[in-house]
PDB file of N, CA and C in Angstrom:
ATOM      1  N   MET A   1       0.818  -1.189   0.000  1.00  0.00           N
ATOM      2  CA  MET A   1       0.000   0.000   0.000  1.00  0.00           C
ATOM      3  C   MET A   1       0.867   1.261   0.000  1.00  0.00           C
ATOM      4  N   GLU A   2       2.003   1.200   0.691  1.00  0.00           N
ATOM      5  CA  GLU A   2       2.875   2.369   0.751  1.00  0.00           C
ATOM      6  C   GLU A   2       3.383   2.768  -0.631  1.00  0.00           C
ATOM      7  N   ASP A   3       3.728   1.791  -1.477  1.00  0.00           N
ATOM      8  CA  ASP A   3       4.167   2.111  -2.842  1.00  0.00           C
ATOM      9  C   ASP A   3       3.055   2.797  -3.621  1.00  0.00           C
ATOM     10  N   ALA A   4       1.827   2.337  -3.451  1.00  0.00           N
ATOM     11  CA  ALA A   4       0.695   2.955  -4.141  1.00  0.00           C
ATOM     12  C   ALA A   4       0.495   4.391  -3.668  1.00  0.00           C
ATOM     13  N   LYS A   5       0.658   4.628  -2.384  1.00  0.00           N
ATOM     14  CA  LYS A   5       0.537   5.988  -1.860  1.00  0.00           C
ATOM     15  C   LYS A   5       1.620   6.891  -2.420  1.00  0.00           C
ATOM     16  N   ARG A   6       2.874   6.408  -2.395  1.00  0.00           N
ATOM     17  CA  ARG A   6       3.995   7.211  -2.898  1.00  0.00           C
ATOM     18  C   ARG A   6       3.858   7.492  -4.387  1.00  0.00           C
ATOM     19  N   SER A   7       3.245   6.574  -5.111  1.00  0.00           N
ATOM     20  CA  SER A   7       3.082   6.736  -6.560  1.00  0.00           C
ATOM     21  C   SER A   7       1.873   7.594  -6.917  1.00  0.00           C
ATOM     22  N   GLY A   8       1.058   7.909  -5.939  1.00  0.00           N
ATOM     23  CA  GLY A   8      -0.117   8.739  -6.196  1.00  0.00           C
ATOM     24  C   GLY A   8      -1.277   7.987  -6.816  1.00  0.00           C
ATOM     25  N   ILE A   9      -1.283   6.662  -6.679  1.00  0.00           N
ATOM     26  CA  ILE A   9      -2.362   5.875  -7.283  1.00  0.00           C
ATOM     27  C   ILE A   9      -3.200   5.128  -6.244  1.00  0.00           C
ATOM     28  N   ALA A  10      -3.020   5.449  -4.977  1.00  0.00           N
ATOM     29  CA  ALA A  10      -3.703   4.713  -3.908  1.00  0.00           C
ATOM     30  C   ALA A  10      -5.219   4.705  -4.086  1.00  0.00           C
ATOM     31  N   GLU A  11      -5.769   5.793  -4.613  1.00  0.00           N
ATOM     32  CA  GLU A  11      -7.224   5.843  -4.789  1.00  0.00           C
ATOM     33  C   GLU A  11      -7.704   4.959  -5.945  1.00  0.00           C
ATOM     34  N   CYS A  12      -6.782   4.470  -6.755  1.00  0.00           N
ATOM     35  CA  CYS A  12      -7.131   3.620  -7.899  1.00  0.00           C
ATOM     36  C   CYS A  12      -6.856   2.139  -7.649  1.00  0.00           C
ATOM     37  N   VAL A  13      -6.245   1.816  -6.505  1.00  0.00           N
ATOM     38  CA  VAL A  13      -5.820   0.446  -6.216  1.00  0.00           C
ATOM     39  C   VAL A  13      -6.590  -0.071  -5.012  1.00  0.00           C
ATOM     40  N   HIS A  14      -7.063  -1.293  -5.104  1.00  0.00           N
ATOM     41  CA  HIS A  14      -7.778  -1.923  -3.995  1.00  0.00           C
ATOM     42  C   HIS A  14      -7.054  -3.215  -3.620  1.00  0.00           C
ATOM     43  N   PHE A  15      -6.547  -3.286  -2.409  1.00  0.00           N
ATOM     44  CA  PHE A  15      -5.903  -4.487  -1.915  1.00  0.00           C
ATOM     45  C   PHE A  15      -6.962  -5.305  -1.181  1.00  0.00           C
ATOM     46  N   LEU A  16      -7.261  -6.470  -1.691  1.00  0.00           N
ATOM     47  CA  LEU A  16      -8.345  -7.276  -1.156  1.00  0.00           C
ATOM     48  C   LEU A  16      -7.929  -8.197  -0.018  1.00  0.00           C
ATOM     49  N   GLY A  17      -6.632  -8.411   0.143  1.00  0.00           N
ATOM     50  CA  GLY A  17      -6.173  -9.323   1.182  1.00  0.00           C
ATOM     51  C   GLY A  17      -6.268 -10.765   0.730  1.00  0.00           C
ATOM     52  N   PRO A  18      -5.879 -11.683   1.593  1.00  0.00           N
ATOM     53  CA  PRO A  18      -5.893 -13.108   1.232  1.00  0.00           C
ATOM     54  C   PRO A  18      -7.311 -13.609   0.929  1.00  0.00           C
ATOM     55  N   LYS A  19      -7.418 -14.450  -0.058  1.00  0.00           N
ATOM     56  CA  LYS A  19      -8.699 -15.052  -0.433  1.00  0.00           C
ATOM     57  C   LYS A  19      -8.519 -16.559  -0.556  1.00  0.00           C
ATOM     58  N   SER A  20      -9.468 -17.325  -0.066  1.00  0.00           N
ATOM     59  CA  SER A  20      -9.363 -18.781  -0.178  1.00  0.00           C
ATOM     60  C   SER A  20      -9.750 -19.259  -1.577  1.00  0.00           C
ATOM     61  N   ASP A  21     -10.530 -18.472  -2.295  1.00  0.00           N
ATOM     62  CA  ASP A  21     -10.927 -18.822  -3.664  1.00  0.00           C
ATOM     63  C   ASP A  21     -10.680 -17.613  -4.559  1.00  0.00           C
ATOM     64  N   SER A  22      -9.613 -17.684  -5.347  1.00  0.00           N
ATOM     65  CA  SER A  22      -9.252 -16.548  -6.197  1.00  0.00           C
ATOM     66  C   SER A  22      -9.925 -16.570  -7.568  1.00  0.00           C
ATOM     67  N   GLN A  23     -10.530 -17.680  -7.937  1.00  0.00           N
ATOM     68  CA  GLN A  23     -11.086 -17.814  -9.284  1.00  0.00           C
ATOM     69  C   GLN A  23     -12.075 -16.704  -9.651  1.00  0.00           C
ATOM     70  N   PRO A  24     -13.004 -16.309  -8.792  1.00  0.00           N
ATOM     71  CA  PRO A  24     -13.928 -15.237  -9.194  1.00  0.00           C
ATOM     72  C   PRO A  24     -13.222 -13.939  -9.577  1.00  0.00           C
ATOM     73  N   TYR A  25     -12.080 -13.675  -8.974  1.00  0.00           N
ATOM     74  CA  TYR A  25     -11.341 -12.454  -9.273  1.00  0.00           C
ATOM     75  C   TYR A  25     -10.652 -12.554 -10.629  1.00  0.00           C
ATOM     76  N   PHE A  26     -10.124 -13.729 -10.938  1.00  0.00           N
ATOM     77  CA  PHE A  26      -9.524 -13.933 -12.256  1.00  0.00           C
ATOM     78  C   PHE A  26     -10.588 -13.884 -13.345  1.00  0.00           C
ATOM     79  N   VAL A  27     -11.719 -14.488 -13.107  1.00  0.00           N
ATOM     80  CA  VAL A  27     -12.795 -14.493 -14.092  1.00  0.00           C
ATOM     81  C   VAL A  27     -13.260 -13.069 -14.380  1.00  0.00           C
ATOM     82  N   ALA A  28     -13.304 -12.221 -13.368  1.00  0.00           N
ATOM     83  CA  ALA A  28     -13.766 -10.842 -13.540  1.00  0.00           C
ATOM     84  C   ALA A  28     -12.730  -9.949 -14.214  1.00  0.00           C
ATOM     85  N   ALA A  29     -11.479 -10.364 -14.205  1.00  0.00           N
ATOM     86  CA  ALA A  29     -10.404  -9.533 -14.756  1.00  0.00           C
ATOM     87  C   ALA A  29     -10.353  -9.620 -16.279  1.00  0.00           C
ATOM     88  N   ASP A  30      -9.819  -8.574 -16.900  1.00  0.00           N
ATOM     89  CA  ASP A  30      -9.606  -8.577 -18.343  1.00  0.00           C
ATOM     90  C   ASP A  30      -8.274  -9.210 -18.709  1.00  0.00           C
ATOM     91  N   ALA A  31      -7.285  -9.059 -17.832  1.00  0.00           N
ATOM     92  CA  ALA A  31      -5.945  -9.572 -18.110  1.00  0.00           C
ATOM     93  C   ALA A  31      -5.197  -9.728 -16.787  1.00  0.00           C
ATOM     94  N   MET A  32      -4.039 -10.370 -16.860  1.00  0.00           N
ATOM     95  CA  MET A  32      -3.184 -10.565 -15.692  1.00  0.00           C
ATOM     96  C   MET A  32      -1.845  -9.896 -15.961  1.00  0.00           C
ATOM     97  N   ALA A  33      -1.459  -8.947 -15.122  1.00  0.00           N
ATOM     98  CA  ALA A  33      -0.148  -8.321 -15.218  1.00  0.00           C
ATOM     99  C   ALA A  33       0.707  -8.881 -14.087  1.00  0.00           C
ATOM    100  N   MET A  34       1.708  -9.655 -14.455  1.00  0.00           N
ATOM    101  CA  MET A  34       2.619 -10.242 -13.469  1.00  0.00           C
ATOM    102  C   MET A  34       3.715  -9.232 -13.212  1.00  0.00           C
ATOM    103  N   THR A  35       3.544  -8.415 -12.176  1.00  0.00           N
ATOM    104  CA  THR A  35       4.451  -7.305 -11.926  1.00  0.00           C
ATOM    105  C   THR A  35       5.616  -7.652 -11.009  1.00  0.00           C
ATOM    106  N   SER A  36       5.593  -8.822 -10.406  1.00  0.00           N
ATOM    107  CA  SER A  36       6.703  -9.171  -9.515  1.00  0.00           C
ATOM    108  C   SER A  36       7.982  -9.314 -10.325  1.00  0.00           C
ATOM    109  N   ARG A  37       9.073  -8.996  -9.664  1.00  0.00           N
ATOM    110  CA  ARG A  37      10.353  -9.024 -10.355  1.00  0.00           C
ATOM    111  C   ARG A  37      11.167 -10.258 -10.026  1.00  0.00           C
ATOM    112  N   GLN A  38      10.782 -10.986  -8.984  1.00  0.00           N
ATOM    113  CA  GLN A  38      11.476 -12.219  -8.647  1.00  0.00           C
ATOM    114  C   GLN A  38      10.492 -13.200  -8.043  1.00  0.00           C
ATOM    115  N   ASP A  39      10.204 -14.242  -8.764  1.00  0.00           N
ATOM    116  CA  ASP A  39       9.339 -15.313  -8.286  1.00  0.00           C
ATOM    117  C   ASP A  39       9.732 -16.552  -9.075  1.00  0.00           C
ATOM    118  N   PRO A  40      10.422 -17.500  -8.474  1.00  0.00           N
ATOM    119  CA  PRO A  40      10.945 -18.637  -9.226  1.00  0.00           C
ATOM    120  C   PRO A  40       9.871 -19.557  -9.794  1.00  0.00           C
ATOM    121  N   PHE A  41       8.700 -19.606  -9.183  1.00  0.00           N
ATOM    122  CA  PHE A  41       7.634 -20.472  -9.680  1.00  0.00           C
ATOM    123  C   PHE A  41       6.296 -19.797  -9.420  1.00  0.00           C
ATOM    124  N   PRO A  42       5.915 -18.861 -10.275  1.00  0.00           N
ATOM    125  CA  PRO A  42       4.710 -18.059 -10.036  1.00  0.00           C
ATOM    126  C   PRO A  42       3.412 -18.826 -10.314  1.00  0.00           C
ATOM    127  N   CYS A  43       2.899 -19.484  -9.297  1.00  0.00           N
ATOM    128  CA  CYS A  43       1.666 -20.277  -9.443  1.00  0.00           C
ATOM    129  C   CYS A  43       0.471 -19.436  -9.863  1.00  0.00           C
ATOM    130  N   VAL A  44       0.506 -18.148  -9.558  1.00  0.00           N
ATOM    131  CA  VAL A  44      -0.599 -17.268  -9.920  1.00  0.00           C
ATOM    132  C   VAL A  44      -0.796 -17.239 -11.441  1.00  0.00           C
ATOM    133  N   LEU A  45       0.275 -17.445 -12.188  1.00  0.00           N
ATOM    134  CA  LEU A  45       0.142 -17.496 -13.653  1.00  0.00           C
ATOM    135  C   LEU A  45      -0.722 -18.669 -14.081  1.00  0.00           C
ATOM    136  N   HIS A  46      -0.560 -19.783 -13.413  1.00  0.00           N
ATOM    137  CA  HIS A  46      -1.358 -20.966 -13.750  1.00  0.00           C
ATOM    138  C   HIS A  46      -2.837 -20.723 -13.466  1.00  0.00           C
ATOM    139  N   GLU A  47      -3.108 -20.005 -12.380  1.00  0.00           N
ATOM    140  CA  GLU A  47      -4.498 -19.684 -12.062  1.00  0.00           C
ATOM    141  C   GLU A  47      -5.102 -18.785 -13.141  1.00  0.00           C
ATOM    142  N   ALA A  48      -4.335 -17.818 -13.625  1.00  0.00           N
ATOM    143  CA  ALA A  48      -4.820 -16.945 -14.698  1.00  0.00           C
ATOM    144  C   ALA A  48      -5.012 -17.730 -15.991  1.00  0.00           C
ATOM    145  N   MET A  49      -4.089 -18.656 -16.270  1.00  0.00           N
ATOM    146  CA  MET A  49      -4.203 -19.483 -17.480  1.00  0.00           C
ATOM    147  C   MET A  49      -5.471 -20.327 -17.461  1.00  0.00           C
ATOM    148  N   VAL A  50      -5.773 -20.921 -16.316  1.00  0.00           N
ATOM    149  CA  VAL A  50      -6.972 -21.752 -16.194  1.00  0.00           C
ATOM    150  C   VAL A  50      -8.226 -20.946 -16.524  1.00  0.00           C
ATOM    151  N   CYS A  51      -8.204 -19.665 -16.186  1.00  0.00           N
ATOM    152  CA  CYS A  51      -9.351 -18.797 -16.457  1.00  0.00           C
ATOM    153  C   CYS A  51      -9.289 -18.173 -17.847  1.00  0.00           C
ATOM    154  N   GLY A  52      -8.269 -18.535 -18.633  1.00  0.00           N
ATOM    155  CA  GLY A  52      -8.163 -18.060 -20.009  1.00  0.00           C
ATOM    156  C   GLY A  52      -7.800 -16.593 -20.142  1.00  0.00           C
ATOM    157  N   LYS A  53      -7.082 -16.051 -19.179  1.00  0.00           N
ATOM    158  CA  LYS A  53      -6.744 -14.629 -19.209  1.00  0.00           C
ATOM    159  C   LYS A  53      -5.416 -14.381 -19.922  1.00  0.00           C
ATOM    160  N   PRO A  54      -5.332 -13.307 -20.712  1.00  0.00           N
ATOM    161  CA  PRO A  54      -4.044 -12.929 -21.289  1.00  0.00           C
ATOM    162  C   PRO A  54      -3.118 -12.475 -20.163  1.00  0.00           C
ATOM    163  N   ILE A  55      -1.841 -12.802 -20.293  1.00  0.00           N
ATOM    164  CA  ILE A  55      -0.865 -12.510 -19.242  1.00  0.00           C
ATOM    165  C   ILE A  55       0.291 -11.710 -19.817  1.00  0.00           C
ATOM    166  N   VAL A  56       0.717 -10.688 -19.080  1.00  0.00           N
ATOM    167  CA  VAL A  56       1.884  -9.897 -19.432  1.00  0.00           C
ATOM    168  C   VAL A  56       2.846  -9.992 -18.255  1.00  0.00           C
ATOM    169  N   ALA A  57       4.134 -10.266 -18.552  1.00  0.00           N
ATOM    170  CA  ALA A  57       5.132 -10.393 -17.493  1.00  0.00           C
ATOM    171  C   ALA A  57       6.455  -9.798 -17.949  1.00  0.00           C
ATOM    172  N   PHE A  58       7.312  -9.484 -16.975  1.00  0.00           N
ATOM    173  CA  PHE A  58       8.642  -8.955 -17.269  1.00  0.00           C
ATOM    174  C   PHE A  58       9.613 -10.070 -17.655  1.00  0.00           C
ATOM    175  N   ASP A  59      10.472  -9.773 -18.614  1.00  0.00           N
ATOM    176  CA  ASP A  59      11.564 -10.670 -18.973  1.00  0.00           C
ATOM    177  C   ASP A  59      12.563 -10.704 -17.816  1.00  0.00           C
ATOM    178  N   ASN A  60      13.250 -11.823 -17.672  1.00  0.00           N
ATOM    179  CA  ASN A  60      14.264 -11.989 -16.615  1.00  0.00           C
ATOM    180  C   ASN A  60      13.689 -11.767 -15.225  1.00  0.00           C
ATOM    181  N   ALA A  61      12.454 -12.182 -15.010  1.00  0.00           N
ATOM    182  CA  ALA A  61      11.809 -11.987 -13.711  1.00  0.00           C
ATOM    183  C   ALA A  61      11.375 -13.328 -13.139  1.00  0.00           C
ATOM    184  N   GLY A  62      12.322 -14.092 -12.673  1.00  0.00           N
ATOM    185  CA  GLY A  62      11.979 -15.386 -12.104  1.00  0.00           C
ATOM    186  C   GLY A  62      11.468 -16.347 -13.152  1.00  0.00           C
ATOM    187  N   GLY A  63      10.445 -17.121 -12.817  1.00  0.00           N
ATOM    188  CA  GLY A  63       9.960 -18.172 -13.699  1.00  0.00           C
ATOM    189  C   GLY A  63       8.856 -17.782 -14.652  1.00  0.00           C
ATOM    190  N   ALA A  64       8.403 -16.539 -14.612  1.00  0.00           N
ATOM    191  CA  ALA A  64       7.295 -16.127 -15.475  1.00  0.00           C
ATOM    192  C   ALA A  64       7.595 -16.301 -16.957  1.00  0.00           C
ATOM    193  N   PRO A  65       8.744 -15.831 -17.473  1.00  0.00           N
ATOM    194  CA  PRO A  65       9.001 -16.000 -18.903  1.00  0.00           C
ATOM    195  C   PRO A  65       9.010 -17.466 -19.338  1.00  0.00           C
ATOM    196  N   GLU A  66       9.551 -18.319 -18.496  1.00  0.00           N
ATOM    197  CA  GLU A  66       9.583 -19.753 -18.828  1.00  0.00           C
ATOM    198  C   GLU A  66       8.180 -20.357 -18.844  1.00  0.00           C
ATOM    199  N   ALA A  67       7.328 -19.887 -17.956  1.00  0.00           N
ATOM    200  CA  ALA A  67       5.955 -20.394 -17.909  1.00  0.00           C
ATOM    201  C   ALA A  67       5.130 -19.942 -19.101  1.00  0.00           C
ATOM    202  N   LEU A  68       5.538 -18.852 -19.740  1.00  0.00           N
ATOM    203  CA  LEU A  68       4.741 -18.276 -20.826  1.00  0.00           C
ATOM    204  C   LEU A  68       5.299 -18.558 -22.221  1.00  0.00           C
ATOM    205  N   VAL A  69       6.245 -19.484 -22.333  1.00  0.00           N
ATOM    206  CA  VAL A  69       6.804 -19.800 -23.654  1.00  0.00           C
ATOM    207  C   VAL A  69       5.721 -20.348 -24.579  1.00  0.00           C
ATOM    208  N   GLY A  70       5.957 -20.194 -25.862  1.00  0.00           N
ATOM    209  CA  GLY A  70       5.036 -20.747 -26.849  1.00  0.00           C
ATOM    210  C   GLY A  70       3.762 -19.947 -27.021  1.00  0.00           C
ATOM    211  N   GLY A  71       3.796 -18.670 -26.675  1.00  0.00           N
ATOM    212  CA  GLY A  71       2.615 -17.842 -26.909  1.00  0.00           C
ATOM    213  C   GLY A  71       1.599 -17.844 -25.793  1.00  0.00           C
ATOM    214  N   ALA A  72       1.957 -18.355 -24.615  1.00  0.00           N
ATOM    215  CA  ALA A  72       1.013 -18.385 -23.494  1.00  0.00           C
ATOM    216  C   ALA A  72       0.865 -17.019 -22.835  1.00  0.00           C
ATOM    217  N   GLY A  73       1.693 -16.057 -23.227  1.00  0.00           N
ATOM    218  CA  GLY A  73       1.620 -14.719 -22.655  1.00  0.00           C
ATOM    219  C   GLY A  73       2.547 -13.781 -23.382  1.00  0.00           C
ATOM    220  N   ILE A  74       2.586 -12.563 -22.925  1.00  0.00           N
ATOM    221  CA  ILE A  74       3.432 -11.535 -23.531  1.00  0.00           C
ATOM    222  C   ILE A  74       4.546 -11.199 -22.547  1.00  0.00           C
ATOM    223  N   ILE A  75       5.777 -11.208 -23.028  1.00  0.00           N
ATOM    224  CA  ILE A  75       6.932 -10.868 -22.213  1.00  0.00           C
ATOM    225  C   ILE A  75       7.431  -9.496 -22.656  1.00  0.00           C
ATOM    226  N   VAL A  76       7.578  -8.581 -21.701  1.00  0.00           N
ATOM    227  CA  VAL A  76       8.081  -7.243 -21.995  1.00  0.00           C
ATOM    228  C   VAL A  76       9.431  -7.059 -21.307  1.00  0.00           C
ATOM    229  N   PRO A  77      10.237  -6.103 -21.772  1.00  0.00           N
ATOM    230  CA  PRO A  77      11.546  -5.890 -21.145  1.00  0.00           C
ATOM    231  C   PRO A  77      11.416  -5.637 -19.638  1.00  0.00           C
ATOM    232  N   TYR A  78      12.373  -6.155 -18.908  1.00  0.00           N
ATOM    233  CA  TYR A  78      12.388  -6.057 -17.451  1.00  0.00           C
ATOM    234  C   TYR A  78      12.207  -4.613 -16.977  1.00  0.00           C
ATOM    235  N   GLY A  79      11.214  -4.381 -16.155  1.00  0.00           N
ATOM    236  CA  GLY A  79      10.988  -3.071 -15.574  1.00  0.00           C
ATOM    237  C   GLY A  79      10.321  -2.042 -16.468  1.00  0.00           C
ATOM    238  N   ASP A  80      10.008  -2.405 -17.693  1.00  0.00           N
ATOM    239  CA  ASP A  80       9.402  -1.452 -18.630  1.00  0.00           C
ATOM    240  C   ASP A  80       7.885  -1.403 -18.401  1.00  0.00           C
ATOM    241  N   VAL A  81       7.482  -0.597 -17.424  1.00  0.00           N
ATOM    242  CA  VAL A  81       6.068  -0.543 -17.070  1.00  0.00           C
ATOM    243  C   VAL A  81       5.225   0.122 -18.156  1.00  0.00           C
ATOM    244  N   VAL A  82       5.825   0.993 -18.949  1.00  0.00           N
ATOM    245  CA  VAL A  82       5.085   1.618 -20.046  1.00  0.00           C
ATOM    246  C   VAL A  82       4.728   0.549 -21.085  1.00  0.00           C
ATOM    247  N   GLU A  83       5.692  -0.277 -21.431  1.00  0.00           N
ATOM    248  CA  GLU A  83       5.420  -1.358 -22.387  1.00  0.00           C
ATOM    249  C   GLU A  83       4.418  -2.355 -21.814  1.00  0.00           C
ATOM    250  N   MET A  84       4.521  -2.634 -20.533  1.00  0.00           N
ATOM    251  CA  MET A  84       3.553  -3.541 -19.909  1.00  0.00           C
ATOM    252  C   MET A  84       2.147  -2.960 -20.023  1.00  0.00           C
ATOM    253  N   ALA A  85       2.013  -1.670 -19.775  1.00  0.00           N
ATOM    254  CA  ALA A  85       0.700  -1.028 -19.861  1.00  0.00           C
ATOM    255  C   ALA A  85       0.168  -1.042 -21.297  1.00  0.00           C
ATOM    256  N   ASN A  86       1.069  -0.841 -22.263  1.00  0.00           N
ATOM    257  CA  ASN A  86       0.646  -0.865 -23.673  1.00  0.00           C
ATOM    258  C   ASN A  86       0.148  -2.251 -24.047  1.00  0.00           C
TER     259      ASN A  86
END
């Protein structure tokens, strides 16, 4: 939350906290942006895939690029948030 406040976007971001069933949130989403920079095995990508959501992730960011090979998602340059947004 502190990063959202410092970035001036706190009023646009809602942190829902832990959920025992994440599927309704994935189903309601238009896409999945994997913004973490280090996650060796991002299981959240698999949850988004099951719901058929397009996924965007950073290159060289843990296991996300490997999970998205073969057209399963879009890989953008590491840290390029403008490209991720596009």
